[in-house]
């Protein structure tokens, strides 16, 4: 994959950089889904259920 075409949010880039530049897939998913400010479940955009 050409990394120049991949977009990563700056908050996530900062976290990865501060963690030494490499993180596990588990850590990536945990931050992406569960971060209290930016995570998918916390940001108010998740719509789970019939609606």
C-alpha atoms as a PDB file:
ATOM      1  CA  UNK A   1       0.000   0.000   0.000  1.00  0.00           C
ATOM      2  CA  UNK A   2       1.235   3.464  -0.842  1.00  0.00           C
ATOM      3  CA  UNK A   3       1.263   5.319   2.487  1.00  0.00           C
ATOM      4  CA  UNK A   4       0.960   8.690   0.737  1.00  0.00           C
ATOM      5  CA  UNK A   5      -2.681   7.893  -0.059  1.00  0.00           C
ATOM      6  CA  UNK A   6      -3.634   6.888   3.488  1.00  0.00           C
ATOM      7  CA  UNK A   7      -5.135   9.497   5.778  1.00  0.00           C
ATOM      8  CA  UNK A   8      -4.656   9.220   9.524  1.00  0.00           C
ATOM      9  CA  UNK A   9      -6.109  11.696  12.025  1.00  0.00           C
ATOM     10  CA  UNK A  10      -3.463  13.885  13.639  1.00  0.00           C
ATOM     11  CA  UNK A  11      -4.437  12.789  17.167  1.00  0.00           C
ATOM     12  CA  UNK A  12      -3.740   9.184  16.196  1.00  0.00           C
ATOM     13  CA  UNK A  13      -0.454  10.065  14.478  1.00  0.00           C
ATOM     14  CA  UNK A  14       0.625  11.827  17.685  1.00  0.00           C
ATOM     15  CA  UNK A  15      -0.266   8.795  19.821  1.00  0.00           C
ATOM     16  CA  UNK A  16       1.604   6.418  17.533  1.00  0.00           C
ATOM     17  CA  UNK A  17       4.628   8.716  17.438  1.00  0.00           C
ATOM     18  CA  UNK A  18       4.603   9.084  21.233  1.00  0.00           C
ATOM     19  CA  UNK A  19       4.477   5.290  21.532  1.00  0.00           C
ATOM     20  CA  UNK A  20       7.705   4.863  19.585  1.00  0.00           C
ATOM     21  CA  UNK A  21       6.285   4.788  16.070  1.00  0.00           C
ATOM     22  CA  UNK A  22       4.918   1.256  16.118  1.00  0.00           C
ATOM     23  CA  UNK A  23       1.815  -0.092  17.836  1.00  0.00           C
ATOM     24  CA  UNK A  24      -0.074  -3.366  17.732  1.00  0.00           C
ATOM     25  CA  UNK A  25      -3.299  -3.800  15.800  1.00  0.00           C
ATOM     26  CA  UNK A  26      -5.031  -4.312  19.149  1.00  0.00           C
ATOM     27  CA  UNK A  27      -3.784  -0.916  20.399  1.00  0.00           C
ATOM     28  CA  UNK A  28      -4.824   0.786  17.146  1.00  0.00           C
ATOM     29  CA  UNK A  29      -8.348  -0.626  17.396  1.00  0.00           C
ATOM     30  CA  UNK A  30      -8.617   0.217  21.091  1.00  0.00           C
ATOM     31  CA  UNK A  31      -7.714   3.848  20.487  1.00  0.00           C
ATOM     32  CA  UNK A  32      -9.819   4.131  17.327  1.00  0.00           C
ATOM     33  CA  UNK A  33     -12.941   2.729  18.949  1.00  0.00           C
ATOM     34  CA  UNK A  34     -12.696   3.590  22.637  1.00  0.00           C
ATOM     35  CA  UNK A  35     -10.783   6.847  23.019  1.00  0.00           C
ATOM     36  CA  UNK A  36     -12.986   9.066  25.230  1.00  0.00           C
ATOM     37  CA  UNK A  37     -12.573  12.131  22.997  1.00  0.00           C
ATOM     38  CA  UNK A  38     -11.945  10.848  19.462  1.00  0.00           C
ATOM     39  CA  UNK A  39     -13.017   7.185  19.479  1.00  0.00           C
ATOM     40  CA  UNK A  40     -15.811   5.951  17.241  1.00  0.00           C
ATOM     41  CA  UNK A  41     -18.069   5.046  20.158  1.00  0.00           C
ATOM     42  CA  UNK A  42     -17.418   8.262  22.081  1.00  0.00           C
ATOM     43  CA  UNK A  43     -17.688  10.867  19.327  1.00  0.00           C
ATOM     44  CA  UNK A  44     -21.453  10.590  18.894  1.00  0.00           C
ATOM     45  CA  UNK A  45     -21.384   9.371  15.288  1.00  0.00           C
ATOM     46  CA  UNK A  46     -22.029   5.690  16.045  1.00  0.00           C
ATOM     47  CA  UNK A  47     -25.572   4.647  15.269  1.00  0.00           C
ATOM     48  CA  UNK A  48     -26.294   1.200  16.634  1.00  0.00           C
ATOM     49  CA  UNK A  49     -29.742  -0.357  16.400  1.00  0.00           C
ATOM     50  CA  UNK A  50     -32.758  -0.080  14.095  1.00  0.00           C
ATOM     51  CA  UNK A  51     -32.157   3.553  13.276  1.00  0.00           C
END
